[in-house]
Protein backbone atom coordinates (compact mmCIF):
# COMPACT_ATOMS: atom_id res chain seq x y z
CA ASN A 1 103.65 82.79 72.97
CA PRO A 2 106.35 83.58 70.92
CA SER A 3 106.54 83.85 67.27
CA SER A 4 109.59 85.04 64.87
CA LEU A 5 109.58 86.19 61.46
CA LEU A 6 111.54 83.90 58.98
CA PRO A 7 113.43 85.97 56.17
CA ALA A 8 114.11 84.89 52.59
CA PRO A 9 115.39 81.39 52.83
CA GLN A 10 119.27 81.27 51.99
CA ARG A 11 122.15 78.36 52.27
CA SER A 12 124.71 79.37 53.83
CA ALA A 13 127.96 77.40 53.55
CA PRO A 14 129.31 75.25 55.89
CA SER A 15 131.33 76.71 58.39
CA SER A 16 134.35 75.65 58.60
CA PRO A 17 135.54 73.53 61.30
CA LYS A 18 136.95 74.66 64.57
CA ASN A 19 139.69 73.44 66.97
CA ARG A 20 137.72 74.43 70.51
CA ALA A 21 136.98 72.74 73.34
CA LYS A 22 133.42 70.54 72.93
CA SER A 23 131.04 72.29 75.16
CA ARG A 24 126.60 72.08 75.46
CA THR A 25 126.39 75.47 74.88
CA ASN A 26 125.85 77.39 71.12
CA ASN A 27 128.17 80.22 69.94
CA HIS A 28 126.06 82.68 71.62
CA GLY A 29 127.21 81.22 75.20
CA ARG A 30 123.24 80.08 75.87
CA GLN A 31 122.53 76.65 77.14
CA LEU A 32 120.44 75.04 74.47
CA PRO A 33 117.26 73.23 75.12
CA THR A 34 117.18 69.48 76.19
CA LYS A 35 114.25 68.73 77.74
CA LEU A 36 110.84 68.49 76.92
CA TRP A 37 108.78 72.10 75.33
CA SER A 38 106.21 71.22 77.88
CA LYS A 39 108.36 71.43 80.90
CA MET A 40 110.32 74.93 79.95
CA THR A 41 109.44 77.94 81.75
CA CYS A 42 108.75 80.76 79.51
CA ASP A 43 111.86 82.15 79.59
CA GLU A 44 113.19 78.97 78.17
CA GLN A 45 110.90 78.61 75.40
CA THR A 46 111.68 82.40 74.23
CA SER A 47 115.18 81.37 74.29
CA ALA A 48 114.84 78.25 72.36
CA THR A 49 112.47 79.92 70.03
CA GLU A 50 115.11 82.99 69.32
CA GLU A 51 117.58 79.53 68.79
CA LEU A 52 115.68 77.41 66.12
CA THR A 53 114.62 80.73 64.24
CA ARG A 54 118.54 81.12 64.01
CA ILE A 55 119.58 77.74 63.11
CA ILE A 56 116.36 77.19 60.82
CA ASN A 57 117.36 80.91 59.21
CA GLU A 58 121.14 80.03 58.68
CA GLN A 59 121.63 76.50 58.19
CA LEU A 60 118.50 74.87 56.88
CA GLY A 61 117.68 74.76 53.00
CA ARG A 62 114.14 76.18 51.41
CA ARG A 63 112.98 72.21 51.69
CA GLU A 64 113.77 72.02 55.59
CA GLN A 65 112.11 75.55 56.05
CA LEU A 66 108.86 74.99 54.80
CA GLU A 67 108.77 71.33 56.42
CA ILE A 68 109.16 73.14 59.95
CA ILE A 69 106.52 75.48 58.81
CA ARG A 70 103.95 72.81 58.30
CA ILE A 71 105.11 70.84 61.45
CA LEU A 72 104.55 73.94 63.05
CA GLN A 73 101.16 75.25 61.13
CA PRO A 74 99.79 71.87 59.62
CA ASP A 75 96.58 73.91 58.15
CA GLY A 76 98.96 77.05 58.07
CA PRO A 77 98.90 79.44 55.64
CA GLN A 78 99.13 79.10 51.88
CA LEU A 79 102.65 79.47 50.88
CA LEU A 80 102.83 81.51 47.48
CA PRO A 81 106.10 80.79 45.10
CA TYR A 82 107.28 84.23 45.55
CA GLN A 83 106.80 84.94 48.92
CA THR A 84 110.23 85.46 50.65
CA GLU A 85 108.93 86.42 54.45
CA PHE A 86 107.26 83.30 56.39
CA ASP A 87 105.60 84.24 59.65
CA LEU A 88 106.35 81.51 62.11
CA ASP A 89 104.23 80.50 64.89
CA PHE A 90 105.55 79.02 67.98
CA THR A 91 102.26 79.11 69.86
CA ALA A 92 100.63 75.19 68.93
CA MET A 93 104.52 74.18 69.64
CA ASN A 94 104.34 70.84 71.87
CA ASP A 95 107.10 68.17 72.91
CA ASP A 96 105.99 66.24 69.91
CA LYS A 97 106.53 69.40 67.01
CA HIS A 98 109.56 70.20 69.29
CA ARG A 99 111.46 66.54 68.72
CA ARG A 100 110.12 66.22 65.10
CA ILE A 101 111.83 70.18 64.61
CA LYS A 102 114.84 68.94 66.67
CA ASN A 103 115.41 65.81 64.49
CA ILE A 104 115.00 67.54 61.28
CA ILE A 105 117.92 69.79 62.36
CA LYS A 106 120.05 67.35 63.38
CA PHE A 107 119.13 65.29 60.03
CA ASN A 108 120.00 68.08 58.43
CA LEU A 109 123.51 69.46 60.09
CA ILE A 110 124.55 65.22 59.39
CA SER A 111 123.67 65.32 55.87
CA ASN A 112 125.65 68.25 55.73
CA GLY A 113 129.12 66.94 56.98
CA GLY A 114 128.32 69.02 60.25
CA SER A 115 129.18 68.34 63.33
CA MET A 116 126.68 67.14 65.97
CA ASN A 117 129.33 68.39 68.80
CA ASP A 118 130.79 70.98 66.69
CA GLU A 119 129.51 74.57 68.17
CA SER A 120 129.30 75.93 65.21
CA ASP A 121 126.70 73.82 63.97
CA GLY A 122 123.93 75.29 66.38
CA TYR A 123 122.10 72.52 68.21
CA SER A 124 125.03 70.22 70.26
CA SER A 125 122.53 69.52 72.68
CA LEU A 126 121.20 66.88 70.46
CA SER A 127 122.40 63.70 71.33
CA SER A 128 124.66 62.14 68.65
CA ASN A 129 124.89 58.53 70.58
CA ASN A 130 125.34 55.50 67.98
CA SER A 131 122.94 53.53 70.41
CA ASP A 132 119.82 55.48 69.57
CA PRO A 133 117.74 54.08 66.99
CA LEU A 134 117.07 57.24 65.45
CA SER A 135 120.62 58.44 65.30
CA GLN A 136 121.29 55.18 63.57
CA ARG A 137 118.71 55.69 60.98
CA ILE A 138 119.82 58.60 60.27
CA GLU A 139 123.60 57.50 59.94
CA LYS A 140 122.07 55.01 57.67
CA ALA A 141 120.54 57.07 55.05
CA PHE A 142 122.89 59.40 55.53
CA LYS A 143 125.41 56.53 54.22
CA LEU A 144 122.46 55.33 51.68
CA ARG A 145 122.28 58.90 49.71
CA GLN A 146 126.18 59.42 49.58
CA ARG A 147 126.08 55.85 47.78
CA LYS A 148 123.29 56.51 46.14
CA GLU A 149 125.52 60.18 44.55
CA GLN A 150 128.76 58.51 44.35
CA ARG A 151 126.96 55.84 41.84
CA GLN A 152 125.12 58.77 40.13
CA ALA A 153 128.44 60.79 39.57
CA ALA A 154 130.53 57.65 38.67
CA LYS A 155 127.67 57.03 36.02
CA GLU A 156 128.34 60.92 34.47
CA HIS A 157 131.62 60.52 34.18
CA ARG A 158 131.62 57.37 32.63
CA SER A 159 129.11 58.13 30.17
CA GLY A 160 131.20 61.16 28.96
CA LEU A 161 128.25 63.37 28.16
CA PHE A 162 128.85 65.86 31.03
CA ASN A 163 132.44 66.22 30.88
CA ALA A 164 132.27 69.28 27.88
CA GLN A 165 129.65 70.48 30.26
CA HIS A 166 130.17 74.70 30.31
CA HIS A 167 128.31 77.05 32.29
CA GLN A 168 127.77 80.62 30.79
CA VAL A 169 126.30 84.00 32.57
CA LEU A 170 123.95 85.60 30.16
CA GLU A 171 123.31 89.32 30.48
CA LEU A 172 120.15 90.79 29.52
CA THR A 173 120.40 94.55 29.24
CA LYS A 174 117.70 97.12 27.98
CA CYS A 175 119.14 98.66 25.21
CA ASP A 176 116.77 102.06 24.06
CA GLU A 177 115.05 100.37 21.19
CA ASP A 178 113.18 98.24 23.64
CA ILE A 179 111.56 101.05 25.77
CA GLU A 180 107.89 101.42 24.78
CA VAL A 181 107.01 104.81 24.99
CA ASP A 182 102.51 105.66 24.30
CA ILE A 183 102.68 108.95 22.14
CA LEU A 184 99.48 108.89 21.83
CA SER A 185 98.10 109.99 25.43
């Protein structure tokens, strides 16, 4: 049964839109999983695991990655703040976990402005049919969050508190005087 190593979470910039013909394959040319986990062959599960791992690594933020780890291993490993790699164990994967992970990926790609039909988004097999109640809820949550962010930005602009905000980068160098030398031993 497949398991995978999840490297340090890094948020990648969303890819630019491409003017390609839309298809149901990812950018590696493989067919993305559209059937239930229990109905997949071992090879299909392996390729689905590889594709999920790629999407989790490249397109999801730390919060979503941790949520997926909790789905895969509910009483799983204790995650430490300094930990940079996580071992994903797909051996306990079932239809429900697979569906929940796909929903997290779908919600994240929609909320980050990625098109669900774009080849570059990694999971174009997820339906973007607006008659689906789940996609309607996701779309509504996305619009609500967008409006909330716009209202907050307008409040900040009106208040003027953040207009003179400057970002400075501090560089710390160690001087010779700061180095401790043990001369007694």
